[in-house]
Amino acid sequence: MMKQLDIIKVFVEGWTRGRGGNLYIDGNTLYSYGKHFPLAVRLISAHKDNSSKNRYAFILNNDSYSKTTTKHKNWFIKEAGEENIIKKVNTQEMGRWMKMEDVREPMLNALD
């Protein structure tokens, strides 16, 4: 099993599955403790950086659930980079972003 910080790192890199401690990846969502707390949603940009890698942007859950989820959130911000977190929302709005598979790409491009 991977460590929690490793799960955050591979999520930021684009992995769609993984588990470590109280964190797990399911598709483009990173969860802390369970489906009730989506920590981050990954948006895929059509733009590539100089290394030809996909550039990702993220929606971050700004709610607090526990000291541990706050720690997870801080690790995530450090790993993803504040500049790549384009929106911070509450848990309810996270659910909306998670359901928007078909429009994420155009929305991200519109925000650029």
PDB file of N, CA and C in Angstrom:
ATOM      1  N   MET A   1       0.846  -1.187   0.000  1.00  0.00           N
ATOM      2  CA  MET A   1       0.000   0.000   0.000  1.00  0.00           C
ATOM      3  C   MET A   1       0.887   1.245   0.000  1.00  0.00           C
ATOM      4  N   MET A   2       0.463   2.244  -0.746  1.00  0.00           N
ATOM      5  CA  MET A   2       1.214   3.494  -0.834  1.00  0.00           C
ATOM      6  C   MET A   2       0.951   4.365   0.395  1.00  0.00           C
ATOM      7  N   LYS A   3       1.864   5.288   0.646  1.00  0.00           N
ATOM      8  CA  LYS A   3       1.679   6.264   1.713  1.00  0.00           C
ATOM      9  C   LYS A   3       0.727   7.347   1.221  1.00  0.00           C
ATOM     10  N   GLN A   4       0.126   8.043   2.166  1.00  0.00           N
ATOM     11  CA  GLN A   4      -0.854   9.073   1.817  1.00  0.00           C
ATOM     12  C   GLN A   4      -0.252  10.155   0.932  1.00  0.00           C
ATOM     13  N   LEU A   5       0.941  10.616   1.256  1.00  0.00           N
ATOM     14  CA  LEU A   5       1.569  11.661   0.455  1.00  0.00           C
ATOM     15  C   LEU A   5       1.855  11.164  -0.960  1.00  0.00           C
ATOM     16  N   ASP A   6       2.198   9.886  -1.093  1.00  0.00           N
ATOM     17  CA  ASP A   6       2.420   9.310  -2.425  1.00  0.00           C
ATOM     18  C   ASP A   6       1.139   9.297  -3.244  1.00  0.00           C
ATOM     19  N   ILE A   7       0.011   9.030  -2.605  1.00  0.00           N
ATOM     20  CA  ILE A   7      -1.280   9.044  -3.308  1.00  0.00           C
ATOM     21  C   ILE A   7      -1.563  10.441  -3.848  1.00  0.00           C
ATOM     22  N   ILE A   8      -1.282  11.452  -3.058  1.00  0.00           N
ATOM     23  CA  ILE A   8      -1.480  12.833  -3.526  1.00  0.00           C
ATOM     24  C   ILE A   8      -0.580  13.095  -4.725  1.00  0.00           C
ATOM     25  N   LYS A   9       0.677  12.686  -4.647  1.00  0.00           N
ATOM     26  CA  LYS A   9       1.623  12.917  -5.748  1.00  0.00           C
ATOM     27  C   LYS A   9       1.158  12.250  -7.034  1.00  0.00           C
ATOM     28  N   VAL A  10       0.735  10.993  -6.964  1.00  0.00           N
ATOM     29  CA  VAL A  10       0.329  10.304  -8.202  1.00  0.00           C
ATOM     30  C   VAL A  10      -0.996  10.833  -8.730  1.00  0.00           C
ATOM     31  N   PHE A  11      -1.870  11.316  -7.853  1.00  0.00           N
ATOM     32  CA  PHE A  11      -3.110  11.951  -8.312  1.00  0.00           C
ATOM     33  C   PHE A  11      -2.777  13.208  -9.109  1.00  0.00           C
ATOM     34  N   VAL A  12      -1.869  14.014  -8.586  1.00  0.00           N
ATOM     35  CA  VAL A  12      -1.460  15.242  -9.266  1.00  0.00           C
ATOM     36  C   VAL A  12      -0.821  14.914 -10.622  1.00  0.00           C
ATOM     37  N   GLU A  13      -0.148  13.767 -10.711  1.00  0.00           N
ATOM     38  CA  GLU A  13       0.486  13.346 -11.961  1.00  0.00           C
ATOM     39  C   GLU A  13      -0.515  12.780 -12.968  1.00  0.00           C
ATOM     40  N   GLY A  14      -1.716  12.406 -12.515  1.00  0.00           N
ATOM     41  CA  GLY A  14      -2.732  11.931 -13.444  1.00  0.00           C
ATOM     42  C   GLY A  14      -3.232  10.515 -13.224  1.00  0.00           C
ATOM     43  N   TRP A  15      -2.759   9.824 -12.193  1.00  0.00           N
ATOM     44  CA  TRP A  15      -3.267   8.472 -11.931  1.00  0.00           C
ATOM     45  C   TRP A  15      -4.765   8.520 -11.661  1.00  0.00           C
ATOM     46  N   THR A  16      -5.460   7.445 -12.040  1.00  0.00           N
ATOM     47  CA  THR A  16      -6.907   7.384 -11.849  1.00  0.00           C
ATOM     48  C   THR A  16      -7.323   6.326 -10.823  1.00  0.00           C
ATOM     49  N   ARG A  17      -6.375   5.584 -10.286  1.00  0.00           N
ATOM     50  CA  ARG A  17      -6.653   4.584  -9.243  1.00  0.00           C
ATOM     51  C   ARG A  17      -5.488   4.555  -8.272  1.00  0.00           C
ATOM     52  N   GLY A  18      -5.791   4.356  -7.019  1.00  0.00           N
ATOM     53  CA  GLY A  18      -4.748   4.210  -6.006  1.00  0.00           C
ATOM     54  C   GLY A  18      -5.327   4.397  -4.626  1.00  0.00           C
ATOM     55  N   ARG A  19      -4.640   3.823  -3.639  1.00  0.00           N
ATOM     56  CA  ARG A  19      -5.089   3.928  -2.250  1.00  0.00           C
ATOM     57  C   ARG A  19      -3.870   3.952  -1.349  1.00  0.00           C
ATOM     58  N   GLY A  20      -3.959   4.799  -0.337  1.00  0.00           N
ATOM     59  CA  GLY A  20      -2.909   4.880   0.667  1.00  0.00           C
ATOM     60  C   GLY A  20      -3.467   5.482   1.928  1.00  0.00           C
ATOM     61  N   GLY A  21      -3.458   4.697   3.001  1.00  0.00           N
ATOM     62  CA  GLY A  21      -4.019   5.189   4.257  1.00  0.00           C
ATOM     63  C   GLY A  21      -5.473   5.582   4.074  1.00  0.00           C
ATOM     64  N   ASN A  22      -5.799   6.803   4.454  1.00  0.00           N
ATOM     65  CA  ASN A  22      -7.175   7.301   4.381  1.00  0.00           C
ATOM     66  C   ASN A  22      -7.488   8.045   3.090  1.00  0.00           C
ATOM     67  N   LEU A  23      -6.576   7.994   2.118  1.00  0.00           N
ATOM     68  CA  LEU A  23      -6.783   8.662   0.840  1.00  0.00           C
ATOM     69  C   LEU A  23      -6.910   7.642  -0.270  1.00  0.00           C
ATOM     70  N   TYR A  24      -7.785   7.933  -1.230  1.00  0.00           N
ATOM     71  CA  TYR A  24      -7.839   7.081  -2.410  1.00  0.00           C
ATOM     72  C   TYR A  24      -8.297   7.868  -3.625  1.00  0.00           C
ATOM     73  N   ILE A  25      -7.897   7.360  -4.788  1.00  0.00           N
ATOM     74  CA  ILE A  25      -8.224   7.978  -6.070  1.00  0.00           C
ATOM     75  C   ILE A  25      -9.255   7.106  -6.767  1.00  0.00           C
ATOM     76  N   ASP A  26     -10.300   7.751  -7.267  1.00  0.00           N
ATOM     77  CA  ASP A  26     -11.293   7.067  -8.088  1.00  0.00           C
ATOM     78  C   ASP A  26     -11.556   7.966  -9.287  1.00  0.00           C
ATOM     79  N   GLY A  27     -10.958   7.625 -10.413  1.00  0.00           N
ATOM     80  CA  GLY A  27     -11.104   8.449 -11.609  1.00  0.00           C
ATOM     81  C   GLY A  27     -10.386   9.772 -11.450  1.00  0.00           C
ATOM     82  N   ASN A  28     -11.096  10.858 -11.625  1.00  0.00           N
ATOM     83  CA  ASN A  28     -10.521  12.199 -11.502  1.00  0.00           C
ATOM     84  C   ASN A  28     -10.816  12.841 -10.156  1.00  0.00           C
ATOM     85  N   THR A  29     -11.125  12.011  -9.151  1.00  0.00           N
ATOM     86  CA  THR A  29     -11.433  12.539  -7.823  1.00  0.00           C
ATOM     87  C   THR A  29     -10.522  11.886  -6.786  1.00  0.00           C
ATOM     88  N   LEU A  30     -10.025  12.706  -5.876  1.00  0.00           N
ATOM     89  CA  LEU A  30      -9.237  12.252  -4.734  1.00  0.00           C
ATOM     90  C   LEU A  30     -10.115  12.381  -3.497  1.00  0.00           C
ATOM     91  N   TYR A  31     -10.263  11.284  -2.764  1.00  0.00           N
ATOM     92  CA  TYR A  31     -11.126  11.258  -1.584  1.00  0.00           C
ATOM     93  C   TYR A  31     -10.299  11.148  -0.304  1.00  0.00           C
ATOM     94  N   SER A  32     -10.783  11.791   0.730  1.00  0.00           N
ATOM     95  CA  SER A  32     -10.221  11.674   2.070  1.00  0.00           C
ATOM     96  C   SER A  32     -11.255  10.952   2.925  1.00  0.00           C
ATOM     97  N   TYR A  33     -10.929   9.769   3.360  1.00  0.00           N
ATOM     98  CA  TYR A  33     -11.760   8.908   4.216  1.00  0.00           C
ATOM     99  C   TYR A  33     -12.905   8.207   3.515  1.00  0.00           C
ATOM    100  N   GLY A  34     -13.497   8.757   2.494  1.00  0.00           N
ATOM    101  CA  GLY A  34     -14.614   8.081   1.844  1.00  0.00           C
ATOM    102  C   GLY A  34     -15.320   8.984   0.860  1.00  0.00           C
ATOM    103  N   LYS A  35     -16.342   8.437   0.220  1.00  0.00           N
ATOM    104  CA  LYS A  35     -17.109   9.163  -0.797  1.00  0.00           C
ATOM    105  C   LYS A  35     -17.770  10.427  -0.252  1.00  0.00           C
ATOM    106  N   HIS A  36     -17.936  10.495   1.068  1.00  0.00           N
ATOM    107  CA  HIS A  36     -18.575  11.667   1.664  1.00  0.00           C
ATOM    108  C   HIS A  36     -17.667  12.901   1.647  1.00  0.00           C
ATOM    109  N   PHE A  37     -16.349  12.710   1.420  1.00  0.00           N
ATOM    110  CA  PHE A  37     -15.446  13.868   1.407  1.00  0.00           C
ATOM    111  C   PHE A  37     -14.496  13.827   0.213  1.00  0.00           C
ATOM    112  N   PRO A  38     -14.972  14.303  -0.959  1.00  0.00           N
ATOM    113  CA  PRO A  38     -14.073  14.454  -2.096  1.00  0.00           C
ATOM    114  C   PRO A  38     -13.125  15.616  -1.812  1.00  0.00           C
ATOM    115  N   LEU A  39     -11.851  15.339  -1.785  1.00  0.00           N
ATOM    116  CA  LEU A  39     -10.857  16.355  -1.447  1.00  0.00           C
ATOM    117  C   LEU A  39     -10.531  17.242  -2.650  1.00  0.00           C
ATOM    118  N   ALA A  40     -10.379  16.618  -3.831  1.00  0.00           N
ATOM    119  CA  ALA A  40     -10.020  17.383  -5.026  1.00  0.00           C
ATOM    120  C   ALA A  40     -10.563  16.693  -6.271  1.00  0.00           C
ATOM    121  N   VAL A  41     -10.896  17.507  -7.259  1.00  0.00           N
ATOM    122  CA  VAL A  41     -11.298  17.020  -8.572  1.00  0.00           C
ATOM    123  C   VAL A  41     -10.261  17.529  -9.563  1.00  0.00           C
ATOM    124  N   ARG A  42      -9.793  16.632 -10.414  1.00  0.00           N
ATOM    125  CA  ARG A  42      -8.784  16.975 -11.415  1.00  0.00           C
ATOM    126  C   ARG A  42      -9.476  17.314 -12.728  1.00  0.00           C
ATOM    127  N   LEU A  43      -9.060  18.424 -13.313  1.00  0.00           N
ATOM    128  CA  LEU A  43      -9.534  18.846 -14.627  1.00  0.00           C
ATOM    129  C   LEU A  43      -8.375  18.684 -15.590  1.00  0.00           C
ATOM    130  N   ILE A  44      -8.640  18.169 -16.754  1.00  0.00           N
ATOM    131  CA  ILE A  44      -7.575  17.931 -17.719  1.00  0.00           C
ATOM    132  C   ILE A  44      -7.618  19.028 -18.772  1.00  0.00           C
ATOM    133  N   SER A  45      -6.529  19.696 -18.947  1.00  0.00           N
ATOM    134  CA  SER A  45      -6.442  20.743 -19.946  1.00  0.00           C
ATOM    135  C   SER A  45      -5.914  20.175 -21.252  1.00  0.00           C
ATOM    136  N   ALA A  46      -6.373  20.723 -22.338  1.00  0.00           N
ATOM    137  CA  ALA A  46      -5.871  20.313 -23.646  1.00  0.00           C
ATOM    138  C   ALA A  46      -4.471  20.857 -23.873  1.00  0.00           C
ATOM    139  N   HIS A  47      -4.071  21.846 -23.097  1.00  0.00           N
ATOM    140  CA  HIS A  47      -2.755  22.455 -23.247  1.00  0.00           C
ATOM    141  C   HIS A  47      -1.701  21.555 -22.622  1.00  0.00           C
ATOM    142  N   LYS A  48      -0.551  21.524 -23.220  1.00  0.00           N
ATOM    143  CA  LYS A  48       0.562  20.760 -22.673  1.00  0.00           C
ATOM    144  C   LYS A  48       1.662  21.734 -22.297  1.00  0.00           C
ATOM    145  N   ASP A  49       2.439  21.349 -21.285  1.00  0.00           N
ATOM    146  CA  ASP A  49       3.557  22.210 -20.908  1.00  0.00           C
ATOM    147  C   ASP A  49       4.763  21.886 -21.796  1.00  0.00           C
ATOM    148  N   ASN A  50       5.898  22.486 -21.523  1.00  0.00           N
ATOM    149  CA  ASN A  50       7.087  22.314 -22.359  1.00  0.00           C
ATOM    150  C   ASN A  50       7.588  20.879 -22.410  1.00  0.00           C
ATOM    151  N   SER A  51       7.226  20.054 -21.449  1.00  0.00           N
ATOM    152  CA  SER A  51       7.678  18.662 -21.447  1.00  0.00           C
ATOM    153  C   SER A  51       6.678  17.741 -22.149  1.00  0.00           C
ATOM    154  N   SER A  52       5.683  18.296 -22.803  1.00  0.00           N
ATOM    155  CA  SER A  52       4.639  17.552 -23.524  1.00  0.00           C
ATOM    156  C   SER A  52       3.728  16.750 -22.602  1.00  0.00           C
ATOM    157  N   LYS A  53       3.689  17.090 -21.356  1.00  0.00           N
ATOM    158  CA  LYS A  53       2.780  16.432 -20.416  1.00  0.00           C
ATOM    159  C   LYS A  53       1.469  17.210 -20.357  1.00  0.00           C
ATOM    160  N   ASN A  54       0.391  16.495 -20.062  1.00  0.00           N
ATOM    161  CA  ASN A  54      -0.873  17.192 -19.839  1.00  0.00           C
ATOM    162  C   ASN A  54      -0.711  18.131 -18.654  1.00  0.00           C
ATOM    163  N   ARG A  55      -1.366  19.243 -18.743  1.00  0.00           N
ATOM    164  CA  ARG A  55      -1.375  20.194 -17.638  1.00  0.00           C
ATOM    165  C   ARG A  55      -2.700  20.023 -16.921  1.00  0.00           C
ATOM    166  N   TYR A  56      -2.651  19.854 -15.629  1.00  0.00           N
ATOM    167  CA  TYR A  56      -3.864  19.646 -14.849  1.00  0.00           C
ATOM    168  C   TYR A  56      -4.173  20.873 -14.007  1.00  0.00           C
ATOM    169  N   ALA A  57      -5.443  21.093 -13.832  1.00  0.00           N
ATOM    170  CA  ALA A  57      -5.943  22.096 -12.898  1.00  0.00           C
ATOM    171  C   ALA A  57      -6.867  21.348 -11.942  1.00  0.00           C
ATOM    172  N   PHE A  58      -7.116  21.931 -10.791  1.00  0.00           N
ATOM    173  CA  PHE A  58      -7.859  21.224  -9.754  1.00  0.00           C
ATOM    174  C   PHE A  58      -8.907  22.114  -9.101  1.00  0.00           C
ATOM    175  N   ILE A  59      -9.987  21.455  -8.699  1.00  0.00           N
ATOM    176  CA  ILE A  59     -11.002  22.065  -7.845  1.00  0.00           C
ATOM    177  C   ILE A  59     -10.750  21.469  -6.458  1.00  0.00           C
ATOM    178  N   LEU A  60     -10.651  22.303  -5.432  1.00  0.00           N
ATOM    179  CA  LEU A  60     -10.332  21.848  -4.083  1.00  0.00           C
ATOM    180  C   LEU A  60     -11.527  22.036  -3.157  1.00  0.00           C
ATOM    181  N   ASN A  61     -11.776  21.035  -2.332  1.00  0.00           N
ATOM    182  CA  ASN A  61     -12.822  21.137  -1.314  1.00  0.00           C
ATOM    183  C   ASN A  61     -12.309  22.040  -0.199  1.00  0.00           C
ATOM    184  N   ASN A  62     -12.989  23.130   0.035  1.00  0.00           N
ATOM    185  CA  ASN A  62     -12.551  24.097   1.039  1.00  0.00           C
ATOM    186  C   ASN A  62     -13.185  23.857   2.407  1.00  0.00           C
ATOM    187  N   ASP A  63     -14.061  22.856   2.512  1.00  0.00           N
ATOM    188  CA  ASP A  63     -14.667  22.522   3.801  1.00  0.00           C
ATOM    189  C   ASP A  63     -13.643  21.816   4.684  1.00  0.00           C
ATOM    190  N   SER A  64     -13.888  21.865   5.983  1.00  0.00           N
ATOM    191  CA  SER A  64     -13.064  21.120   6.932  1.00  0.00           C
ATOM    192  C   SER A  64     -13.903  20.003   7.513  1.00  0.00           C
ATOM    193  N   TYR A  65     -13.302  18.835   7.614  1.00  0.00           N
ATOM    194  CA  TYR A  65     -14.009  17.683   8.151  1.00  0.00           C
ATOM    195  C   TYR A  65     -13.353  17.217   9.446  1.00  0.00           C
ATOM    196  N   SER A  66     -12.022  17.247   9.465  1.00  0.00           N
ATOM    197  CA  SER A  66     -11.264  16.830  10.644  1.00  0.00           C
ATOM    198  C   SER A  66      -9.861  17.398  10.532  1.00  0.00           C
ATOM    199  N   LYS A  67      -9.071  17.215  11.579  1.00  0.00           N
ATOM    200  CA  LYS A  67      -7.677  17.645  11.532  1.00  0.00           C
ATOM    201  C   LYS A  67      -6.930  16.895  10.430  1.00  0.00           C
ATOM    202  N   THR A  68      -7.281  15.638  10.244  1.00  0.00           N
ATOM    203  CA  THR A  68      -6.604  14.840   9.226  1.00  0.00           C
ATOM    204  C   THR A  68      -6.945  15.320   7.825  1.00  0.00           C
ATOM    205  N   THR A  69      -8.194  15.643   7.560  1.00  0.00           N
ATOM    206  CA  THR A  69      -8.541  16.139   6.223  1.00  0.00           C
ATOM    207  C   THR A  69      -7.892  17.498   5.970  1.00  0.00           C
ATOM    208  N   THR A  70      -7.742  18.306   7.003  1.00  0.00           N
ATOM    209  CA  THR A  70      -7.039  19.578   6.865  1.00  0.00           C
ATOM    210  C   THR A  70      -5.579  19.318   6.499  1.00  0.00           C
ATOM    211  N   LYS A  71      -4.969  18.317   7.115  1.00  0.00           N
ATOM    212  CA  LYS A  71      -3.600  17.932   6.781  1.00  0.00           C
ATOM    213  C   LYS A  71      -3.528  17.451   5.334  1.00  0.00           C
ATOM    214  N   HIS A  72      -4.479  16.612   4.928  1.00  0.00           N
ATOM    215  CA  HIS A  72      -4.517  16.141   3.544  1.00  0.00           C
ATOM    216  C   HIS A  72      -4.621  17.332   2.578  1.00  0.00           C
ATOM    217  N   LYS A  73      -5.478  18.281   2.912  1.00  0.00           N
ATOM    218  CA  LYS A  73      -5.689  19.448   2.060  1.00  0.00           C
ATOM    219  C   LYS A  73      -4.394  20.255   1.926  1.00  0.00           C
ATOM    220  N   ASN A  74      -3.700  20.458   3.031  1.00  0.00           N
ATOM    221  CA  ASN A  74      -2.447  21.213   2.997  1.00  0.00           C
ATOM    222  C   ASN A  74      -1.377  20.498   2.176  1.00  0.00           C
ATOM    223  N   TRP A  75      -1.286  19.180   2.325  1.00  0.00           N
ATOM    224  CA  TRP A  75      -0.352  18.405   1.506  1.00  0.00           C
ATOM    225  C   TRP A  75      -0.693  18.548   0.037  1.00  0.00           C
ATOM    226  N   PHE A  76      -1.996  18.488  -0.265  1.00  0.00           N
ATOM    227  CA  PHE A  76      -2.437  18.592  -1.652  1.00  0.00           C
ATOM    228  C   PHE A  76      -2.060  19.948  -2.245  1.00  0.00           C
ATOM    229  N   ILE A  77      -2.319  21.024  -1.522  1.00  0.00           N
ATOM    230  CA  ILE A  77      -2.004  22.373  -2.015  1.00  0.00           C
ATOM    231  C   ILE A  77      -0.513  22.486  -2.309  1.00  0.00           C
ATOM    232  N   LYS A  78       0.303  21.960  -1.414  1.00  0.00           N
ATOM    233  CA  LYS A  78       1.749  22.015  -1.607  1.00  0.00           C
ATOM    234  C   LYS A  78       2.165  21.218  -2.845  1.00  0.00           C
ATOM    235  N   GLU A  79       1.610  20.037  -3.023  1.00  0.00           N
ATOM    236  CA  GLU A  79       1.994  19.164  -4.136  1.00  0.00           C
ATOM    237  C   GLU A  79       1.451  19.672  -5.476  1.00  0.00           C
ATOM    238  N   ALA A  80       0.202  20.108  -5.512  1.00  0.00           N
ATOM    239  CA  ALA A  80      -0.423  20.553  -6.766  1.00  0.00           C
ATOM    240  C   ALA A  80       0.049  21.939  -7.175  1.00  0.00           C
ATOM    241  N   GLY A  81       0.343  22.760  -6.195  1.00  0.00           N
ATOM    242  CA  GLY A  81       0.701  24.147  -6.462  1.00  0.00           C
ATOM    243  C   GLY A  81      -0.538  25.025  -6.438  1.00  0.00           C
ATOM    244  N   GLU A  82      -0.474  26.054  -5.641  1.00  0.00           N
ATOM    245  CA  GLU A  82      -1.618  26.971  -5.490  1.00  0.00           C
ATOM    246  C   GLU A  82      -2.095  27.497  -6.843  1.00  0.00           C
ATOM    247  N   GLU A  83      -1.157  27.720  -7.771  1.00  0.00           N
ATOM    248  CA  GLU A  83      -1.513  28.264  -9.082  1.00  0.00           C
ATOM    249  C   GLU A  83      -2.336  27.296  -9.926  1.00  0.00           C
ATOM    250  N   ASN A  84      -2.315  26.013  -9.590  1.00  0.00           N
ATOM    251  CA  ASN A  84      -3.070  25.010 -10.345  1.00  0.00           C
ATOM    252  C   ASN A  84      -4.426  24.689  -9.713  1.00  0.00           C
ATOM    253  N   ILE A  85      -4.725  25.315  -8.600  1.00  0.00           N
ATOM    254  CA  ILE A  85      -6.039  25.156  -7.966  1.00  0.00           C
ATOM    255  C   ILE A  85      -6.876  26.352  -8.423  1.00  0.00           C
ATOM    256  N   ILE A  86      -7.776  26.084  -9.350  1.00  0.00           N
ATOM    257  CA  ILE A  86      -8.484  27.201  -9.978  1.00  0.00           C
ATOM    258  C   ILE A  86      -9.750  27.597  -9.241  1.00  0.00           C
ATOM    259  N   LYS A  87     -10.197  26.738  -8.332  1.00  0.00           N
ATOM    260  CA  LYS A  87     -11.425  27.058  -7.598  1.00  0.00           C
ATOM    261  C   LYS A  87     -11.446  26.264  -6.302  1.00  0.00           C
ATOM    262  N   LYS A  88     -11.913  26.908  -5.235  1.00  0.00           N
ATOM    263  CA  LYS A  88     -12.125  26.247  -3.950  1.00  0.00           C
ATOM    264  C   LYS A  88     -13.613  26.335  -3.646  1.00  0.00           C
ATOM    265  N   VAL A  89     -14.217  25.175  -3.378  1.00  0.00           N
ATOM    266  CA  VAL A  89     -15.667  25.114  -3.204  1.00  0.00           C
ATOM    267  C   VAL A  89     -16.013  24.275  -1.981  1.00  0.00           C
ATOM    268  N   ASN A  90     -17.287  24.250  -1.625  1.00  0.00           N
ATOM    269  CA  ASN A  90     -17.724  23.409  -0.507  1.00  0.00           C
ATOM    270  C   ASN A  90     -18.035  21.991  -1.004  1.00  0.00           C
ATOM    271  N   THR A  91     -18.312  21.101  -0.079  1.00  0.00           N
ATOM    272  CA  THR A  91     -18.532  19.693  -0.410  1.00  0.00           C
ATOM    273  C   THR A  91     -19.688  19.514  -1.388  1.00  0.00           C
ATOM    274  N   GLN A  92     -20.766  20.253  -1.199  1.00  0.00           N
ATOM    275  CA  GLN A  92     -21.918  20.129  -2.090  1.00  0.00           C
ATOM    276  C   GLN A  92     -21.544  20.508  -3.523  1.00  0.00           C
ATOM    277  N   GLU A  93     -20.817  21.608  -3.679  1.00  0.00           N
ATOM    278  CA  GLU A  93     -20.420  22.021  -5.021  1.00  0.00           C
ATOM    279  C   GLU A  93     -19.391  21.060  -5.626  1.00  0.00           C
ATOM    280  N   MET A  94     -18.583  20.411  -4.795  1.00  0.00           N
ATOM    281  CA  MET A  94     -17.650  19.391  -5.295  1.00  0.00           C
ATOM    282  C   MET A  94     -18.432  18.313  -6.035  1.00  0.00           C
ATOM    283  N   GLY A  95     -19.580  17.930  -5.474  1.00  0.00           N
ATOM    284  CA  GLY A  95     -20.418  16.924  -6.122  1.00  0.00           C
ATOM    285  C   GLY A  95     -20.833  17.343  -7.518  1.00  0.00           C
ATOM    286  N   ARG A  96     -21.113  18.621  -7.690  1.00  0.00           N
ATOM    287  CA  ARG A  96     -21.483  19.124  -9.014  1.00  0.00           C
ATOM    288  C   ARG A  96     -20.320  19.010  -9.989  1.00  0.00           C
ATOM    289  N   TRP A  97     -19.120  19.364  -9.542  1.00  0.00           N
ATOM    290  CA  TRP A  97     -17.942  19.268 -10.404  1.00  0.00           C
ATOM    291  C   TRP A  97     -17.648  17.821 -10.771  1.00  0.00           C
ATOM    292  N   MET A  98     -17.873  16.914  -9.847  1.00  0.00           N
ATOM    293  CA  MET A  98     -17.604  15.499 -10.097  1.00  0.00           C
ATOM    294  C   MET A  98     -18.545  14.938 -11.160  1.00  0.00           C
ATOM    295  N   LYS A  99     -19.736  15.511 -11.296  1.00  0.00           N
ATOM    296  CA  LYS A  99     -20.732  15.029 -12.253  1.00  0.00           C
ATOM    297  C   LYS A  99     -20.591  15.672 -13.625  1.00  0.00           C
ATOM    298  N   MET A 100     -19.664  16.577 -13.786  1.00  0.00           N
ATOM    299  CA  MET A 100     -19.574  17.353 -15.016  1.00  0.00           C
ATOM    300  C   MET A 100     -18.529  16.807 -15.985  1.00  0.00           C
ATOM    301  N   GLU A 101     -18.426  15.500 -16.096  1.00  0.00           N
ATOM    302  CA  GLU A 101     -17.416  14.872 -16.947  1.00  0.00           C
ATOM    303  C   GLU A 101     -17.384  15.446 -18.366  1.00  0.00           C
ATOM    304  N   ASP A 102     -18.532  15.632 -18.995  1.00  0.00           N
ATOM    305  CA  ASP A 102     -18.579  16.030 -20.398  1.00  0.00           C
ATOM    306  C   ASP A 102     -18.203  17.490 -20.632  1.00  0.00           C
ATOM    307  N   VAL A 103     -18.303  18.318 -19.613  1.00  0.00           N
ATOM    308  CA  VAL A 103     -18.051  19.742 -19.837  1.00  0.00           C
ATOM    309  C   VAL A 103     -16.811  20.263 -19.116  1.00  0.00           C
ATOM    310  N   ARG A 104     -16.093  19.413 -18.423  1.00  0.00           N
ATOM    311  CA  ARG A 104     -14.907  19.879 -17.702  1.00  0.00           C
ATOM    312  C   ARG A 104     -13.882  20.517 -18.621  1.00  0.00           C
ATOM    313  N   GLU A 105     -13.550  19.850 -19.705  1.00  0.00           N
ATOM    314  CA  GLU A 105     -12.521  20.348 -20.618  1.00  0.00           C
ATOM    315  C   GLU A 105     -12.877  21.725 -21.189  1.00  0.00           C
ATOM    316  N   PRO A 106     -14.073  21.890 -21.779  1.00  0.00           N
ATOM    317  CA  PRO A 106     -14.424  23.220 -22.291  1.00  0.00           C
ATOM    318  C   PRO A 106     -14.464  24.291 -21.195  1.00  0.00           C
ATOM    319  N   MET A 107     -14.902  23.901 -19.999  1.00  0.00           N
ATOM    320  CA  MET A 107     -14.946  24.877 -18.909  1.00  0.00           C
ATOM    321  C   MET A 107     -13.550  25.318 -18.517  1.00  0.00           C
ATOM    322  N   LEU A 108     -12.616  24.384 -18.440  1.00  0.00           N
ATOM    323  CA  LEU A 108     -11.250  24.726 -18.085  1.00  0.00           C
ATOM    324  C   LEU A 108     -10.640  25.631 -19.143  1.00  0.00           C
ATOM    325  N   ASN A 109     -10.861  25.301 -20.398  1.00  0.00           N
ATOM    326  CA  ASN A 109     -10.325  26.138 -21.465  1.00  0.00           C
ATOM    327  C   ASN A 109     -10.923  27.545 -21.415  1.00  0.00           C
ATOM    328  N   ALA A 110     -12.181  27.654 -21.049  1.00  0.00           N
ATOM    329  CA  ALA A 110     -12.815  28.958 -20.939  1.00  0.00           C
ATOM    330  C   ALA A 110     -12.235  29.769 -19.778  1.00  0.00           C
ATOM    331  N   LEU A 111     -11.789  29.076 -18.726  1.00  0.00           N
ATOM    332  CA  LEU A 111     -11.207  29.770 -17.582  1.00  0.00           C
ATOM    333  C   LEU A 111      -9.782  30.240 -17.844  1.00  0.00           C
ATOM    334  N   ASP A 112      -9.110  29.663 -18.845  1.00  0.00           N
ATOM    335  CA  ASP A 112      -7.720  30.070 -19.174  1.00  0.00           C
ATOM    336  C   ASP A 112      -7.670  31.474 -19.685  1.00  0.00           C
TER     337      ASP A 112
END
